[in-house]
Amino acid sequence: MSDTIRPGDPIWTDLFTTDTDGAIAFYGELFGWTADIAPEHGNYITFRKDGKAVAGGMAGDADAGPSQWTIYLASTDAEATAAQVTAAGGTVVVPPTAVGDLGTFAVFGDKGGVGVGVWQSDNMTGFEQRGTVGDGHWDGHVGAPSWFELHTRGYDDALKFYGEAFGWQDPFTIAETPEFRYTTIHSTTPMLGGVMDATSFLPPGVPGYWTVYFGVEDVDASVRKVVELGGSIITAAEDTPYGRLAAVADPNGVRFSLGGNKS
């Protein structure tokens, strides 16, 4: 595990999709990604930006679950994390599974029913390039994952769960009002991500989701590009105290977010 990554930090993200060719074309056009395909690992895709690994991808049919981005949190012992997840009230969806000499992954449902993965690094240590966010400023690394966010109905339970299951030690509460409740994973930089009480805007029947924000040079131009490439807008671009943000979906309906500096 990288010295800058602590247990419980977002370390990887990958796309489960029924259309890998379409995904390679879409994200390549949008972010300038290239794609390496590994036949020895079930044609797993490694997306690269400027030659550096920024995300993964894999093929799947609709019967195996919805197309989506999955966020993986770091662990030094995936088996121990699986035990902590169940002890904290979560569920094991995919048990710890070794991927050759690259590492070990697992997929869980948190206490609120939101899916999240874990990655125990061996030769594959996660992101080779990642953006940073601080004081509303998005720093470089266009097309790289830069922020990771849990939207949940069970805000208080989620903070307790991730502390017990993944070892979050020093979360920092940014806001605690009826209109906006938000806590970051860390109280010091790099914070990497946070948890939002999304009760007021989640669709009926949706317990929540993790979303990844990819940094872009111009959020509005990137939103237009998403639509031009066959994707859709979920939440239009707007300036916030945390930068200019938008939520979009790729042509296969997979949600992700865009972030950049204010216009």
Protein backbone atom coordinates (compact mmCIF):
# COMPACT_ATOMS: atom_id res chain seq x y z
CA MET A 1 0.00 0.00 0.00
CA SER A 2 1.28 3.48 -0.88
CA ASP A 3 2.62 5.56 2.00
CA THR A 4 0.01 8.21 1.16
CA ILE A 5 -2.87 5.73 1.35
CA ARG A 6 -4.21 4.78 4.75
CA PRO A 7 -6.51 1.83 5.50
CA GLY A 8 -10.04 2.81 4.55
CA ASP A 9 -8.94 5.31 1.90
CA PRO A 10 -10.33 5.06 -1.64
CA ILE A 11 -7.62 3.21 -3.56
CA TRP A 12 -9.30 2.10 -6.80
CA THR A 13 -12.47 2.35 -8.85
CA ASP A 14 -13.76 0.22 -11.68
CA LEU A 15 -16.65 0.14 -14.08
CA PHE A 16 -18.95 -2.87 -14.37
CA THR A 17 -20.66 -2.53 -17.76
CA THR A 18 -22.60 -4.48 -20.35
CA ASP A 19 -20.85 -2.51 -23.11
CA THR A 20 -17.07 -2.47 -22.71
CA ASP A 21 -16.42 -1.30 -26.27
CA GLY A 22 -18.82 1.59 -25.80
CA ALA A 23 -17.25 2.46 -22.45
CA ILE A 24 -13.74 2.47 -23.89
CA ALA A 25 -14.89 4.80 -26.67
CA PHE A 26 -16.93 7.10 -24.40
CA TYR A 27 -14.39 7.60 -21.60
CA GLY A 28 -11.59 7.79 -24.13
CA GLU A 29 -13.28 10.69 -25.88
CA LEU A 30 -14.36 12.39 -22.67
CA PHE A 31 -11.19 12.11 -20.58
CA GLY A 32 -8.49 11.14 -23.07
CA TRP A 33 -8.14 7.70 -21.52
CA THR A 34 -6.47 4.76 -23.21
CA ALA A 35 -7.37 1.17 -22.38
CA ASP A 36 -5.22 -1.89 -21.74
CA ILE A 37 -7.02 -5.25 -21.79
CA ALA A 38 -5.67 -8.21 -19.81
CA PRO A 39 -6.87 -11.58 -21.25
CA GLU A 40 -5.17 -13.37 -18.34
CA HIS A 41 -7.56 -11.60 -15.94
CA GLY A 42 -10.84 -12.12 -17.77
CA ASN A 43 -10.23 -9.22 -20.19
CA TYR A 44 -10.10 -6.77 -17.30
CA ILE A 45 -9.58 -3.23 -18.57
CA THR A 46 -7.08 -0.79 -17.10
CA PHE A 47 -7.89 2.77 -18.12
CA ARG A 48 -4.88 5.05 -18.30
CA LYS A 49 -4.44 8.81 -18.45
CA ASP A 50 -1.05 9.91 -19.77
CA GLY A 51 0.09 6.32 -19.32
CA LYS A 52 -0.88 6.15 -15.64
CA ALA A 53 -3.58 3.81 -14.31
CA VAL A 54 -6.64 5.77 -13.16
CA ALA A 55 -9.50 3.22 -13.24
CA GLY A 56 -10.54 -0.26 -14.26
CA GLY A 57 -13.39 -1.90 -16.10
CA MET A 58 -14.97 -5.28 -16.64
CA ALA A 59 -17.72 -6.82 -18.72
CA GLY A 60 -20.90 -8.18 -17.22
CA ASP A 61 -24.46 -9.00 -18.19
CA ALA A 62 -27.54 -7.46 -16.67
CA ASP A 63 -28.30 -10.65 -14.70
CA ALA A 64 -25.11 -10.12 -12.67
CA GLY A 65 -26.24 -6.72 -11.43
CA PRO A 66 -26.55 -3.13 -12.64
CA SER A 67 -23.82 -1.40 -14.60
CA GLN A 68 -22.04 0.91 -12.18
CA TRP A 69 -18.79 2.36 -10.89
CA THR A 70 -17.54 0.59 -7.74
CA ILE A 71 -15.30 2.31 -5.20
CA TYR A 72 -12.65 0.18 -3.45
CA LEU A 73 -11.27 1.11 -0.03
CA ALA A 74 -7.78 0.11 1.03
CA SER A 75 -7.07 -2.73 3.43
CA THR A 76 -3.94 -4.49 4.60
CA ASP A 77 -5.97 -7.68 5.21
CA ALA A 78 -9.11 -8.24 3.12
CA GLU A 79 -10.16 -11.30 5.14
CA ALA A 80 -10.00 -9.30 8.38
CA THR A 81 -11.94 -6.46 6.75
CA ALA A 82 -14.65 -8.91 5.65
CA ALA A 83 -14.99 -10.08 9.25
CA GLN A 84 -15.18 -6.46 10.45
CA VAL A 85 -17.83 -5.67 7.83
CA THR A 86 -20.13 -8.45 9.02
CA ALA A 87 -19.49 -7.60 12.69
CA ALA A 88 -20.48 -3.99 11.96
CA GLY A 89 -23.76 -5.04 10.32
CA GLY A 90 -22.74 -5.21 6.66
CA THR A 91 -22.85 -8.11 4.21
CA VAL A 92 -20.30 -9.90 2.05
CA VAL A 93 -21.40 -9.89 -1.61
CA VAL A 94 -18.16 -11.19 -3.15
CA PRO A 95 -15.78 -12.82 -0.64
CA PRO A 96 -12.08 -11.94 -0.63
CA THR A 97 -10.63 -13.20 -3.91
CA ALA A 98 -6.99 -13.11 -4.99
CA VAL A 99 -6.24 -11.67 -8.43
CA GLY A 100 -2.96 -13.39 -9.27
CA ASP A 101 -0.11 -11.48 -7.71
CA LEU A 102 -1.87 -8.13 -8.10
CA GLY A 103 -3.82 -8.18 -4.85
CA THR A 104 -7.09 -9.30 -3.27
CA PHE A 105 -10.53 -7.78 -3.69
CA ALA A 106 -13.95 -8.20 -2.13
CA VAL A 107 -17.31 -6.48 -2.46
CA PHE A 108 -19.61 -5.71 0.44
CA GLY A 109 -22.92 -4.11 1.27
CA ASP A 110 -22.58 -1.54 4.02
CA LYS A 111 -25.05 -1.34 6.89
CA GLY A 112 -27.40 0.76 4.75
CA GLY A 113 -27.23 -1.61 1.79
CA VAL A 114 -24.82 0.45 -0.33
CA GLY A 115 -22.19 -1.49 -2.27
CA VAL A 116 -18.51 -0.85 -1.63
CA GLY A 117 -15.35 -2.80 -2.42
CA VAL A 118 -12.04 -3.44 -0.70
CA TRP A 119 -8.59 -3.84 -2.23
CA GLN A 120 -5.59 -5.40 -0.52
CA SER A 121 -2.58 -4.41 -2.60
CA ASP A 122 0.18 -6.68 -3.73
CA ASN A 123 1.84 -5.73 -7.03
CA MET A 124 -1.07 -3.46 -8.02
CA THR A 125 -1.11 -0.59 -5.53
CA GLY A 126 -4.13 1.31 -6.82
CA PHE A 127 -4.29 4.67 -8.56
CA GLU A 128 -1.12 5.77 -10.31
CA GLN A 129 -2.61 9.21 -10.80
CA ARG A 130 -5.22 10.99 -8.73
CA GLY A 131 -6.38 14.57 -8.45
CA THR A 132 -6.67 16.48 -5.20
CA VAL A 133 -9.33 18.81 -3.83
CA GLY A 134 -8.84 21.41 -1.13
CA ASP A 135 -10.72 24.57 -0.15
CA GLY A 136 -12.86 24.27 -3.26
CA HIS A 137 -9.82 24.12 -5.55
CA TRP A 138 -9.40 21.17 -7.89
CA ASP A 139 -5.73 20.62 -8.53
CA GLY A 140 -4.62 19.32 -11.92
CA HIS A 141 -4.74 15.74 -13.16
CA VAL A 142 -7.56 16.30 -15.64
CA GLY A 143 -9.43 13.04 -16.26
CA ALA A 144 -8.23 11.46 -13.02
CA PRO A 145 -10.39 10.40 -10.05
CA SER A 146 -10.25 13.20 -7.50
CA TRP A 147 -13.03 12.78 -4.90
CA PHE A 148 -15.14 9.89 -3.63
CA GLU A 149 -18.50 10.41 -1.98
CA LEU A 150 -21.08 8.26 -0.24
CA HIS A 151 -24.68 9.44 -0.57
CA THR A 152 -26.74 7.62 2.04
CA ARG A 153 -30.04 7.57 3.90
CA GLY A 154 -28.28 6.17 6.97
CA TYR A 155 -25.78 8.98 7.60
CA ASP A 156 -25.07 8.37 11.29
CA ASP A 157 -25.02 4.60 10.84
CA ALA A 158 -22.67 4.94 7.86
CA LEU A 159 -20.10 6.95 9.80
CA LYS A 160 -20.15 4.36 12.59
CA PHE A 161 -20.01 1.46 10.12
CA TYR A 162 -17.04 2.71 8.11
CA GLY A 163 -15.17 3.51 11.29
CA GLU A 164 -15.67 -0.03 12.59
CA ALA A 165 -15.32 -1.91 9.30
CA PHE A 166 -12.63 0.09 7.48
CA GLY A 167 -10.83 1.92 10.25
CA TRP A 168 -11.76 5.52 9.52
CA GLN A 169 -10.08 7.26 12.46
CA ASP A 170 -10.38 11.02 12.13
CA PRO A 171 -13.45 12.09 10.11
CA PHE A 172 -14.20 15.80 10.03
CA THR A 173 -17.75 17.19 10.08
CA ILE A 174 -18.05 20.03 7.59
CA ALA A 175 -21.74 20.73 8.09
CA GLU A 176 -24.40 19.56 10.55
CA THR A 177 -27.66 21.31 9.71
CA PRO A 178 -31.07 19.90 8.76
CA GLU A 179 -30.42 21.03 5.17
CA PHE A 180 -26.85 19.75 4.80
CA ARG A 181 -24.96 17.09 6.75
CA TYR A 182 -21.49 16.19 5.49
CA THR A 183 -18.39 14.54 6.97
CA THR A 184 -15.05 13.99 5.26
CA ILE A 185 -13.05 10.77 5.59
CA HIS A 186 -10.12 12.65 7.13
CA SER A 187 -9.63 15.86 9.08
CA THR A 188 -6.31 16.59 7.38
CA THR A 189 -5.35 16.77 3.73
CA PRO A 190 -5.58 14.85 1.54
CA MET A 191 -9.18 14.25 2.63
CA LEU A 192 -10.04 12.21 -0.50
CA GLY A 193 -13.80 11.96 0.04
CA GLY A 194 -16.77 12.19 2.32
CA VAL A 195 -20.24 11.09 3.40
CA MET A 196 -23.40 13.07 2.67
CA ASP A 197 -26.84 12.70 4.21
CA ALA A 198 -28.81 12.28 0.98
CA THR A 199 -32.17 11.38 2.50
CA SER A 200 -33.90 14.40 0.99
CA PHE A 201 -33.01 13.70 -2.64
CA LEU A 202 -32.45 9.97 -3.10
CA PRO A 203 -35.07 8.32 -5.34
CA PRO A 204 -37.60 6.07 -3.57
CA GLY A 205 -36.20 2.62 -2.90
CA VAL A 206 -32.56 3.67 -3.40
CA PRO A 207 -30.55 3.25 -0.16
CA GLY A 208 -27.67 5.32 -1.52
CA TYR A 209 -24.53 4.94 -3.61
CA TRP A 210 -20.87 5.78 -3.81
CA THR A 211 -19.92 8.17 -6.61
CA VAL A 212 -16.53 9.10 -8.04
CA TYR A 213 -15.72 12.65 -9.17
CA PHE A 214 -13.35 12.96 -12.10
CA GLY A 215 -11.47 16.23 -12.33
CA VAL A 216 -11.90 18.23 -15.54
CA GLU A 217 -10.55 21.50 -16.89
CA ASP A 218 -13.99 22.94 -17.71
CA VAL A 219 -17.03 21.32 -16.10
CA ASP A 220 -19.56 22.92 -18.46
CA ALA A 221 -17.63 21.89 -21.57
CA SER A 222 -17.30 18.36 -20.19
CA VAL A 223 -21.04 18.15 -19.51
CA ARG A 224 -21.72 19.19 -23.09
CA LYS A 225 -19.27 16.53 -24.27
CA VAL A 226 -21.06 13.87 -22.21
CA VAL A 227 -24.33 14.68 -23.99
CA GLU A 228 -22.63 14.86 -27.39
CA LEU A 229 -21.23 11.36 -26.80
CA GLY A 230 -24.66 9.92 -25.93
CA GLY A 231 -24.63 10.34 -22.15
CA SER A 232 -27.04 12.37 -20.05
CA ILE A 233 -27.17 15.03 -17.35
CA ILE A 234 -28.38 14.05 -13.88
CA THR A 235 -27.57 17.30 -12.08
CA ALA A 236 -26.58 20.36 -14.10
CA ALA A 237 -23.25 22.05 -13.43
CA GLU A 238 -23.31 24.54 -10.57
CA ASP A 239 -20.85 26.49 -8.47
CA THR A 240 -20.61 25.33 -4.85
CA PRO A 241 -18.25 26.15 -1.98
CA TYR A 242 -16.40 22.99 -3.06
CA GLY A 243 -15.89 23.89 -6.72
CA ARG A 244 -18.07 23.56 -9.81
CA LEU A 245 -19.80 20.19 -9.80
CA ALA A 246 -22.11 18.14 -12.02
CA ALA A 247 -23.58 14.64 -12.01
CA VAL A 248 -23.87 12.82 -15.32
CA ALA A 249 -24.35 9.34 -16.77
CA ASP A 250 -22.58 7.52 -19.57
CA PRO A 251 -24.54 6.11 -22.56
CA ASN A 252 -25.17 2.92 -20.57
CA GLY A 253 -26.79 4.90 -17.76
CA VAL A 254 -23.87 4.64 -15.33
CA ARG A 255 -23.67 7.57 -12.97
CA PHE A 256 -20.49 9.49 -12.19
CA SER A 257 -19.58 13.05 -11.28
CA LEU A 258 -17.43 15.86 -12.66
CA GLY A 259 -15.56 18.44 -10.63
CA GLY A 260 -13.45 21.45 -11.38
CA ASN A 261 -12.73 25.01 -10.41
CA LYS A 262 -15.53 27.55 -10.36
CA SER A 263 -16.38 29.31 -13.57
